[in-house]
Amino acid sequence: MEATNVYGNALAEYLYDQNHKVSVVNPARIKGFAQSEMLRTKNDKQDAALIARFCESLSPDLWQPELLNIRQLKAMVRRLDMLIEMKQQEVNRLDVSDEVVQSDIRQHIEELDKRIKKIRNEIEEHIDHDSELKSKKELLLSIPGIGEKTMATVLSYFSSIHHFDSAKKLASFCGVAPRERQSGTSVNGRGTMSKIGSAHLRKSLFLPAMVALKYNPALRGLKERLSDKGKPKMVIIGAAMRKLIHIIYGVLKSNLPFDENKAFNA
């Protein structure tokens, strides 16, 4: 199957429960495989045959469903993000809307505030009622730059840190691994973030990385070194996101809180 955000989860879980071997593959890999075959036709029948050939040729890893407590946490975190986005949209509308509807918009904003507070409490209770999640919560909150909201997002995506062999693989999963653009001597483009991974997770790590650049001693040094080399702001933030992921990996893997001395080597 191609990964389709949350839409294919029910089918994948059903097939898994029926003892079928299931692989859920990043659509970018399927697209690249199709380009290698120089396909010009795209329809449901062709796509199904393409995915079958891809699996036969490359034998993708088998998929397993997430544990129920993680699926529930991820659903609540996504819902919280949606509510926050809805509130921001209404705040923006308030500035440009006619006076006749402003009262209704304000009421909606107040209602959204209540729902945001409610689901934040539910997320906190869900984590605190699970001993393993609660323990990992305390580890993550020991990292300067990681707050309650980021902690919940991180837990929902990779609380099972043993699934990743290294911090580099975790960074690749998040889509923040660097992508080099160089070919011979004629092409030497500026390196960029790969962005092959969860856009939601990258977005969730952006602001924490900026905070960590200011308050996390391991990242302050990184900022100074890159600034001295003349690196632009976005490159520094991207490097900070990768460094923060390496620190998260080390804390969860070792089961020990943040240590400034160890963080410099992460």
C-alpha atoms as a PDB file:
ATOM      1  CA  MET A   1       0.000   0.000   0.000  1.00  0.00           C
ATOM      2  CA  GLU A   2       0.983   3.620  -0.493  1.00  0.00           C
ATOM      3  CA  ALA A   3       0.960   5.672   2.695  1.00  0.00           C
ATOM      4  CA  THR A   4      -2.077   7.986   2.607  1.00  0.00           C
ATOM      5  CA  ASN A   5      -1.755   9.826   5.921  1.00  0.00           C
ATOM      6  CA  VAL A   6      -4.592   8.558   8.162  1.00  0.00           C
ATOM      7  CA  TYR A   7      -6.891   7.417   5.336  1.00  0.00           C
ATOM      8  CA  GLY A   8      -5.336   4.008   4.759  1.00  0.00           C
ATOM      9  CA  ASN A   9      -4.824   3.072   8.412  1.00  0.00           C
ATOM     10  CA  ALA A  10      -8.112   1.200   8.811  1.00  0.00           C
ATOM     11  CA  LEU A  11      -7.423  -0.929   5.718  1.00  0.00           C
ATOM     12  CA  ALA A  12      -3.853  -1.686   6.788  1.00  0.00           C
ATOM     13  CA  GLU A  13      -5.029  -2.684  10.271  1.00  0.00           C
ATOM     14  CA  TYR A  14      -7.802  -4.888   8.849  1.00  0.00           C
ATOM     15  CA  LEU A  15      -5.407  -6.700   6.502  1.00  0.00           C
ATOM     16  CA  TYR A  16      -2.895  -7.139   9.333  1.00  0.00           C
ATOM     17  CA  ASP A  17      -5.622  -8.603  11.583  1.00  0.00           C
ATOM     18  CA  GLN A  18      -6.470 -11.055   8.777  1.00  0.00           C
ATOM     19  CA  ASN A  19      -2.855 -12.329   8.914  1.00  0.00           C
ATOM     20  CA  HIS A  20      -1.830 -10.700   5.631  1.00  0.00           C
ATOM     21  CA  LYS A  21       1.682  -9.348   5.205  1.00  0.00           C
ATOM     22  CA  VAL A  22       1.356  -5.589   4.847  1.00  0.00           C
ATOM     23  CA  SER A  23       3.856  -2.959   3.717  1.00  0.00           C
ATOM     24  CA  VAL A  24       2.989   0.748   3.826  1.00  0.00           C
ATOM     25  CA  VAL A  25       5.327   2.618   1.466  1.00  0.00           C
ATOM     26  CA  ASN A  26       6.115   6.312   1.076  1.00  0.00           C
ATOM     27  CA  PRO A  27       4.428   7.464  -2.186  1.00  0.00           C
ATOM     28  CA  ALA A  28       7.660   9.216  -3.196  1.00  0.00           C
ATOM     29  CA  ARG A  29       9.325   5.810  -3.545  1.00  0.00           C
ATOM     30  CA  ILE A  30       6.493   4.536  -5.740  1.00  0.00           C
ATOM     31  CA  LYS A  31       6.660   7.690  -7.861  1.00  0.00           C
ATOM     32  CA  GLY A  32      10.407   7.282  -8.303  1.00  0.00           C
ATOM     33  CA  PHE A  33       9.922   3.644  -9.319  1.00  0.00           C
ATOM     34  CA  ALA A  34       7.301   4.692 -11.876  1.00  0.00           C
ATOM     35  CA  GLN A  35       9.694   7.278 -13.321  1.00  0.00           C
ATOM     36  CA  SER A  36      12.378   4.605 -13.632  1.00  0.00           C
ATOM     37  CA  GLU A  37       9.938   2.629 -15.813  1.00  0.00           C
ATOM     38  CA  MET A  38       9.109   5.791 -17.817  1.00  0.00           C
ATOM     39  CA  LEU A  39       5.377   5.242 -17.304  1.00  0.00           C
ATOM     40  CA  ARG A  40       3.109   7.761 -19.017  1.00  0.00           C
ATOM     41  CA  THR A  41      -0.287   6.350 -18.069  1.00  0.00           C
ATOM     42  CA  LYS A  42      -1.783   6.772 -14.580  1.00  0.00           C
ATOM     43  CA  ASN A  43      -5.023   5.173 -13.432  1.00  0.00           C
ATOM     44  CA  ASP A  44      -6.115   2.864 -10.611  1.00  0.00           C
ATOM     45  CA  LYS A  45      -5.373  -0.327 -12.534  1.00  0.00           C
ATOM     46  CA  GLN A  46      -1.918   0.862 -13.608  1.00  0.00           C
ATOM     47  CA  ASP A  47      -1.135   2.079 -10.074  1.00  0.00           C
ATOM     48  CA  ALA A  48      -2.061  -1.280  -8.542  1.00  0.00           C
ATOM     49  CA  ALA A  49       0.175  -3.125 -11.006  1.00  0.00           C
ATOM     50  CA  LEU A  50       2.986  -0.610 -10.390  1.00  0.00           C
ATOM     51  CA  ILE A  51       2.849  -1.126  -6.618  1.00  0.00           C
ATOM     52  CA  ALA A  52       2.875  -4.902  -7.131  1.00  0.00           C
ATOM     53  CA  ARG A  53       6.002  -4.668  -9.308  1.00  0.00           C
ATOM     54  CA  PHE A  54       7.634  -2.338  -6.781  1.00  0.00           C
ATOM     55  CA  CYS A  55       7.049  -4.826  -3.958  1.00  0.00           C
ATOM     56  CA  GLU A  56       8.288  -7.749  -6.032  1.00  0.00           C
ATOM     57  CA  SER A  57      11.474  -5.914  -6.957  1.00  0.00           C
ATOM     58  CA  LEU A  58      12.368  -4.162  -3.693  1.00  0.00           C
ATOM     59  CA  SER A  59      10.666  -6.204  -0.925  1.00  0.00           C
ATOM     60  CA  PRO A  60       9.735  -3.260   1.366  1.00  0.00           C
ATOM     61  CA  ASP A  61       9.754  -3.730   5.128  1.00  0.00           C
ATOM     62  CA  LEU A  62       6.686  -5.267   6.709  1.00  0.00           C
ATOM     63  CA  TRP A  63       4.323  -2.946   8.555  1.00  0.00           C
ATOM     64  CA  GLN A  64       2.923  -3.380  12.052  1.00  0.00           C
ATOM     65  CA  PRO A  65       0.168  -1.270  13.626  1.00  0.00           C
ATOM     66  CA  GLU A  66       1.047   1.113  16.413  1.00  0.00           C
ATOM     67  CA  LEU A  67      -0.006   0.298  19.936  1.00  0.00           C
ATOM     68  CA  LEU A  68      -3.479   1.527  20.851  1.00  0.00           C
ATOM     69  CA  ASN A  69      -2.221   4.073  23.401  1.00  0.00           C
ATOM     70  CA  ILE A  70       0.087   5.628  20.783  1.00  0.00           C
ATOM     71  CA  ARG A  71      -2.657   5.746  18.131  1.00  0.00           C
ATOM     72  CA  GLN A  72      -4.953   7.484  20.606  1.00  0.00           C
ATOM     73  CA  LEU A  73      -2.247   9.975  21.603  1.00  0.00           C
ATOM     74  CA  LYS A  74      -1.460  10.774  17.964  1.00  0.00           C
ATOM     75  CA  ALA A  75      -5.178  11.337  17.237  1.00  0.00           C
ATOM     76  CA  MET A  76      -5.491  13.754  20.168  1.00  0.00           C
ATOM     77  CA  VAL A  77      -2.308  15.633  19.203  1.00  0.00           C
ATOM     78  CA  ARG A  78      -3.550  16.056  15.629  1.00  0.00           C
ATOM     79  CA  ARG A  79      -6.932  17.233  16.891  1.00  0.00           C
ATOM     80  CA  LEU A  80      -5.232  19.800  19.122  1.00  0.00           C
ATOM     81  CA  ASP A  81      -3.261  21.139  16.166  1.00  0.00           C
ATOM     82  CA  MET A  82      -6.465  21.408  14.116  1.00  0.00           C
ATOM     83  CA  LEU A  83      -8.242  23.340  16.864  1.00  0.00           C
ATOM     84  CA  ILE A  84      -5.293  25.722  17.273  1.00  0.00           C
ATOM     85  CA  GLU A  85      -5.248  26.291  13.505  1.00  0.00           C
ATOM     86  CA  MET A  86      -9.021  26.917  13.483  1.00  0.00           C
ATOM     87  CA  LYS A  87      -8.664  29.460  16.274  1.00  0.00           C
ATOM     88  CA  GLN A  88      -5.894  31.311  14.412  1.00  0.00           C
ATOM     89  CA  GLN A  89      -8.077  31.429  11.295  1.00  0.00           C
ATOM     90  CA  GLU A  90     -10.909  32.974  13.296  1.00  0.00           C
ATOM     91  CA  VAL A  91      -8.545  35.496  14.920  1.00  0.00           C
ATOM     92  CA  ASN A  92      -7.377  36.503  11.444  1.00  0.00           C
ATOM     93  CA  ARG A  93     -10.984  36.860  10.246  1.00  0.00           C
ATOM     94  CA  LEU A  94     -11.818  39.087  13.200  1.00  0.00           C
ATOM     95  CA  ASP A  95      -9.454  41.759  11.894  1.00  0.00           C
ATOM     96  CA  VAL A  96     -11.154  41.982   8.484  1.00  0.00           C
ATOM     97  CA  SER A  97     -14.765  41.017   9.178  1.00  0.00           C
ATOM     98  CA  ASP A  98     -17.764  43.326   9.261  1.00  0.00           C
ATOM     99  CA  GLU A  99     -18.858  44.444  12.710  1.00  0.00           C
ATOM    100  CA  VAL A 100     -22.153  42.584  12.361  1.00  0.00           C
ATOM    101  CA  VAL A 101     -20.380  39.164  12.555  1.00  0.00           C
ATOM    102  CA  GLN A 102     -17.554  40.007  14.954  1.00  0.00           C
ATOM    103  CA  SER A 103     -19.573  39.007  18.017  1.00  0.00           C
ATOM    104  CA  ASP A 104     -20.186  35.558  16.551  1.00  0.00           C
ATOM    105  CA  ILE A 105     -16.491  35.148  15.693  1.00  0.00           C
ATOM    106  CA  ARG A 106     -15.510  36.100  19.259  1.00  0.00           C
ATOM    107  CA  GLN A 107     -17.937  33.537  20.635  1.00  0.00           C
ATOM    108  CA  HIS A 108     -16.443  30.891  18.378  1.00  0.00           C
ATOM    109  CA  ILE A 109     -12.916  31.813  19.518  1.00  0.00           C
ATOM    110  CA  GLU A 110     -14.027  31.461  23.162  1.00  0.00           C
ATOM    111  CA  GLU A 111     -15.535  28.054  22.406  1.00  0.00           C
ATOM    112  CA  LEU A 112     -12.343  26.958  20.625  1.00  0.00           C
ATOM    113  CA  ASP A 113     -10.293  28.091  23.643  1.00  0.00           C
ATOM    114  CA  LYS A 114     -12.410  25.839  25.864  1.00  0.00           C
ATOM    115  CA  ARG A 115     -12.004  22.864  23.517  1.00  0.00           C
ATOM    116  CA  ILE A 116      -8.255  23.454  23.215  1.00  0.00           C
ATOM    117  CA  LYS A 117      -7.933  23.505  27.002  1.00  0.00           C
ATOM    118  CA  LYS A 118     -10.071  20.361  27.283  1.00  0.00           C
ATOM    119  CA  ILE A 119      -8.069  18.295  24.815  1.00  0.00           C
ATOM    120  CA  ARG A 120      -4.775  19.493  26.335  1.00  0.00           C
ATOM    121  CA  ASN A 121      -6.005  18.167  29.680  1.00  0.00           C
ATOM    122  CA  GLU A 122      -7.011  14.886  28.012  1.00  0.00           C
ATOM    123  CA  ILE A 123      -3.549  14.537  26.443  1.00  0.00           C
ATOM    124  CA  GLU A 124      -1.897  15.170  29.807  1.00  0.00           C
ATOM    125  CA  GLU A 125      -4.136  12.620  31.544  1.00  0.00           C
ATOM    126  CA  HIS A 126      -3.562  10.056  28.784  1.00  0.00           C
ATOM    127  CA  ILE A 127       0.214  10.348  29.164  1.00  0.00           C
ATOM    128  CA  ASP A 128       0.215  10.441  32.976  1.00  0.00           C
ATOM    129  CA  HIS A 129      -2.008   7.336  33.212  1.00  0.00           C
ATOM    130  CA  ASP A 130       0.530   5.320  31.188  1.00  0.00           C
ATOM    131  CA  SER A 131       3.667   4.661  33.225  1.00  0.00           C
ATOM    132  CA  GLU A 132       5.939   4.251  30.193  1.00  0.00           C
ATOM    133  CA  LEU A 133       4.692   7.388  28.460  1.00  0.00           C
ATOM    134  CA  LYS A 134       4.908   9.342  31.703  1.00  0.00           C
ATOM    135  CA  SER A 135       8.517   8.282  32.193  1.00  0.00           C
ATOM    136  CA  LYS A 136       9.419   9.344  28.644  1.00  0.00           C
ATOM    137  CA  LYS A 137       7.549  12.610  29.157  1.00  0.00           C
ATOM    138  CA  GLU A 138       9.810  13.489  32.078  1.00  0.00           C
ATOM    139  CA  LEU A 139      12.892  12.640  30.014  1.00  0.00           C
ATOM    140  CA  LEU A 140      11.811  14.838  27.099  1.00  0.00           C
ATOM    141  CA  LEU A 141      10.870  17.782  29.306  1.00  0.00           C
ATOM    142  CA  SER A 142      14.414  17.757  30.714  1.00  0.00           C
ATOM    143  CA  ILE A 143      15.649  18.969  27.285  1.00  0.00           C
ATOM    144  CA  PRO A 144      15.830  22.792  27.005  1.00  0.00           C
ATOM    145  CA  GLY A 145      13.544  23.792  24.145  1.00  0.00           C
ATOM    146  CA  ILE A 146      11.054  20.942  24.535  1.00  0.00           C
ATOM    147  CA  GLY A 147       7.718  22.044  26.011  1.00  0.00           C
ATOM    148  CA  GLU A 148       4.499  20.187  26.791  1.00  0.00           C
ATOM    149  CA  LYS A 149       3.034  20.384  23.283  1.00  0.00           C
ATOM    150  CA  THR A 150       6.229  19.323  21.505  1.00  0.00           C
ATOM    151  CA  MET A 151       6.742  16.543  24.038  1.00  0.00           C
ATOM    152  CA  ALA A 152       3.300  15.103  23.260  1.00  0.00           C
ATOM    153  CA  THR A 153       3.944  15.278  19.511  1.00  0.00           C
ATOM    154  CA  VAL A 154       7.332  13.581  19.864  1.00  0.00           C
ATOM    155  CA  LEU A 155       5.839  10.805  22.004  1.00  0.00           C
ATOM    156  CA  SER A 156       3.053  10.215  19.482  1.00  0.00           C
ATOM    157  CA  TYR A 157       5.529   9.759  16.629  1.00  0.00           C
ATOM    158  CA  PHE A 158       8.515   7.924  18.070  1.00  0.00           C
ATOM    159  CA  SER A 159       7.997   6.805  21.636  1.00  0.00           C
ATOM    160  CA  SER A 160       9.232   3.379  20.439  1.00  0.00           C
ATOM    161  CA  ILE A 161      12.741   4.628  19.872  1.00  0.00           C
ATOM    162  CA  HIS A 162      14.086   1.076  19.463  1.00  0.00           C
ATOM    163  CA  HIS A 163      12.570   1.047  15.953  1.00  0.00           C
ATOM    164  CA  PHE A 164      15.412   3.351  14.872  1.00  0.00           C
ATOM    165  CA  ASP A 165      18.972   2.049  14.697  1.00  0.00           C
ATOM    166  CA  SER A 166      20.540   5.497  14.939  1.00  0.00           C
ATOM    167  CA  ALA A 167      19.822   9.177  15.434  1.00  0.00           C
ATOM    168  CA  LYS A 168      20.558   9.721  11.729  1.00  0.00           C
ATOM    169  CA  LYS A 169      17.764   7.341  10.770  1.00  0.00           C
ATOM    170  CA  LEU A 170      15.419   9.149  13.139  1.00  0.00           C
ATOM    171  CA  ALA A 171      16.372  12.461  11.495  1.00  0.00           C
ATOM    172  CA  SER A 172      15.644  10.917   8.092  1.00  0.00           C
ATOM    173  CA  PHE A 173      12.276   9.707   9.363  1.00  0.00           C
ATOM    174  CA  CYS A 174      11.479  13.270  10.425  1.00  0.00           C
ATOM    175  CA  GLY A 175      12.577  14.621   7.042  1.00  0.00           C
ATOM    176  CA  VAL A 176      15.295  16.916   8.427  1.00  0.00           C
ATOM    177  CA  ALA A 177      18.338  15.028   7.146  1.00  0.00           C
ATOM    178  CA  PRO A 178      20.483  17.210   4.840  1.00  0.00           C
ATOM    179  CA  ARG A 179      20.280  16.653   1.087  1.00  0.00           C
ATOM    180  CA  GLU A 180      23.429  17.363  -0.871  1.00  0.00           C
ATOM    181  CA  ARG A 181      23.179  18.885  -4.344  1.00  0.00           C
ATOM    182  CA  GLN A 182      26.461  18.353  -6.169  1.00  0.00           C
ATOM    183  CA  SER A 183      27.420  16.831  -9.487  1.00  0.00           C
ATOM    184  CA  GLY A 184      30.944  16.955 -10.833  1.00  0.00           C
ATOM    185  CA  THR A 185      32.361  20.473 -10.977  1.00  0.00           C
ATOM    186  CA  SER A 186      29.530  22.150 -12.888  1.00  0.00           C
ATOM    187  CA  VAL A 187      26.746  21.780 -10.335  1.00  0.00           C
ATOM    188  CA  ASN A 188      27.301  22.668  -6.709  1.00  0.00           C
ATOM    189  CA  GLY A 189      23.962  23.762  -5.279  1.00  0.00           C
ATOM    190  CA  ARG A 190      23.268  24.728  -1.706  1.00  0.00           C
ATOM    191  CA  GLY A 191      22.347  21.787   0.514  1.00  0.00           C
ATOM    192  CA  THR A 192      18.748  21.653   1.679  1.00  0.00           C
ATOM    193  CA  MET A 193      16.551  19.696   4.053  1.00  0.00           C
ATOM    194  CA  SER A 194      15.344  16.431   2.480  1.00  0.00           C
ATOM    195  CA  LYS A 195      11.705  16.897   3.651  1.00  0.00           C
ATOM    196  CA  ILE A 196      11.045  13.209   2.923  1.00  0.00           C
ATOM    197  CA  GLY A 197       9.147  12.498   6.106  1.00  0.00           C
ATOM    198  CA  SER A 198       6.332  13.834   8.253  1.00  0.00           C
ATOM    199  CA  ALA A 199       5.540  17.476   7.451  1.00  0.00           C
ATOM    200  CA  HIS A 200       3.506  17.660  10.670  1.00  0.00           C
ATOM    201  CA  LEU A 201       6.485  16.530  12.720  1.00  0.00           C
ATOM    202  CA  ARG A 202       8.857  18.998  11.015  1.00  0.00           C
ATOM    203  CA  LYS A 203       6.421  21.828  11.662  1.00  0.00           C
ATOM    204  CA  SER A 204       6.164  20.787  15.316  1.00  0.00           C
ATOM    205  CA  LEU A 205       9.954  20.861  15.725  1.00  0.00           C
ATOM    206  CA  PHE A 206      10.536  24.237  14.050  1.00  0.00           C
ATOM    207  CA  LEU A 207       9.673  26.549  16.959  1.00  0.00           C
ATOM    208  CA  PRO A 208      11.288  24.282  19.607  1.00  0.00           C
ATOM    209  CA  ALA A 209      14.510  24.407  17.586  1.00  0.00           C
ATOM    210  CA  MET A 210      14.395  28.204  17.611  1.00  0.00           C
ATOM    211  CA  VAL A 211      13.832  28.201  21.385  1.00  0.00           C
ATOM    212  CA  ALA A 212      16.635  25.661  21.867  1.00  0.00           C
ATOM    213  CA  LEU A 213      19.032  27.873  19.904  1.00  0.00           C
ATOM    214  CA  LYS A 214      18.520  30.473  22.613  1.00  0.00           C
ATOM    215  CA  TYR A 215      18.323  28.362  25.773  1.00  0.00           C
ATOM    216  CA  ASN A 216      19.981  24.997  25.056  1.00  0.00           C
ATOM    217  CA  PRO A 217      23.774  25.297  25.602  1.00  0.00           C
ATOM    218  CA  ALA A 218      24.523  22.553  23.061  1.00  0.00           C
ATOM    219  CA  LEU A 219      22.632  24.425  20.347  1.00  0.00           C
ATOM    220  CA  ARG A 220      23.911  27.893  21.237  1.00  0.00           C
ATOM    221  CA  GLY A 221      27.404  26.725  20.325  1.00  0.00           C
ATOM    222  CA  LEU A 222      26.083  25.297  17.052  1.00  0.00           C
ATOM    223  CA  LYS A 223      24.490  28.633  16.199  1.00  0.00           C
ATOM    224  CA  GLU A 224      27.725  30.532  16.880  1.00  0.00           C
ATOM    225  CA  ARG A 225      29.798  28.170  14.700  1.00  0.00           C
ATOM    226  CA  LEU A 226      27.390  28.319  11.759  1.00  0.00           C
ATOM    227  CA  SER A 227      26.927  32.079  12.074  1.00  0.00           C
ATOM    228  CA  ASP A 228      30.697  32.556  11.969  1.00  0.00           C
ATOM    229  CA  LYS A 229      30.710  30.602   8.688  1.00  0.00           C
ATOM    230  CA  GLY A 230      28.102  32.956   7.262  1.00  0.00           C
ATOM    231  CA  LYS A 231      25.291  30.403   7.113  1.00  0.00           C
ATOM    232  CA  PRO A 232      21.787  31.874   6.600  1.00  0.00           C
ATOM    233  CA  LYS A 233      19.155  31.775   9.331  1.00  0.00           C
ATOM    234  CA  MET A 234      17.078  28.914   7.849  1.00  0.00           C
ATOM    235  CA  VAL A 235      20.156  26.705   7.445  1.00  0.00           C
ATOM    236  CA  ILE A 236      20.976  27.280  11.120  1.00  0.00           C
ATOM    237  CA  ILE A 237      17.420  26.421  12.180  1.00  0.00           C
ATOM    238  CA  GLY A 238      17.528  23.240  10.059  1.00  0.00           C
ATOM    239  CA  ALA A 239      20.803  22.227  11.706  1.00  0.00           C
ATOM    240  CA  ALA A 240      19.262  22.972  15.113  1.00  0.00           C
ATOM    241  CA  MET A 241      16.287  20.704  14.311  1.00  0.00           C
ATOM    242  CA  ARG A 242      18.667  17.866  13.436  1.00  0.00           C
ATOM    243  CA  LYS A 243      20.722  18.448  16.581  1.00  0.00           C
ATOM    244  CA  LEU A 244      17.582  18.505  18.704  1.00  0.00           C
ATOM    245  CA  ILE A 245      16.473  15.185  17.210  1.00  0.00           C
ATOM    246  CA  HIS A 246      19.879  13.682  18.017  1.00  0.00           C
ATOM    247  CA  ILE A 247      19.504  14.871  21.615  1.00  0.00           C
ATOM    248  CA  ILE A 248      15.963  13.450  21.826  1.00  0.00           C
ATOM    249  CA  TYR A 249      17.232  10.140  20.472  1.00  0.00           C
ATOM    250  CA  GLY A 250      20.045  10.015  23.032  1.00  0.00           C
ATOM    251  CA  VAL A 251      17.762  10.836  25.962  1.00  0.00           C
ATOM    252  CA  LEU A 252      15.113   8.249  25.027  1.00  0.00           C
ATOM    253  CA  LYS A 253      17.650   5.580  24.053  1.00  0.00           C
ATOM    254  CA  SER A 254      19.694   5.914  27.252  1.00  0.00           C
ATOM    255  CA  ASN A 255      16.632   6.425  29.430  1.00  0.00           C
ATOM    256  CA  LEU A 256      18.533   9.254  31.135  1.00  0.00           C
ATOM    257  CA  PRO A 257      17.580  12.964  31.373  1.00  0.00           C
ATOM    258  CA  PHE A 258      19.313  15.661  29.359  1.00  0.00           C
ATOM    259  CA  ASP A 259      22.997  16.044  30.152  1.00  0.00           C
ATOM    260  CA  GLU A 260      24.683  19.162  28.802  1.00  0.00           C
ATOM    261  CA  ASN A 261      28.075  17.468  28.580  1.00  0.00           C
ATOM    262  CA  LYS A 262      26.754  14.500  26.596  1.00  0.00           C
ATOM    263  CA  ALA A 263      24.659  16.720  24.388  1.00  0.00           C
ATOM    264  CA  PHE A 264      27.723  18.340  22.824  1.00  0.00           C
ATOM    265  CA  ASN A 265      28.633  14.922  21.377  1.00  0.00           C
ATOM    266  CA  ALA A 266      25.083  14.019  20.231  1.00  0.00           C
END
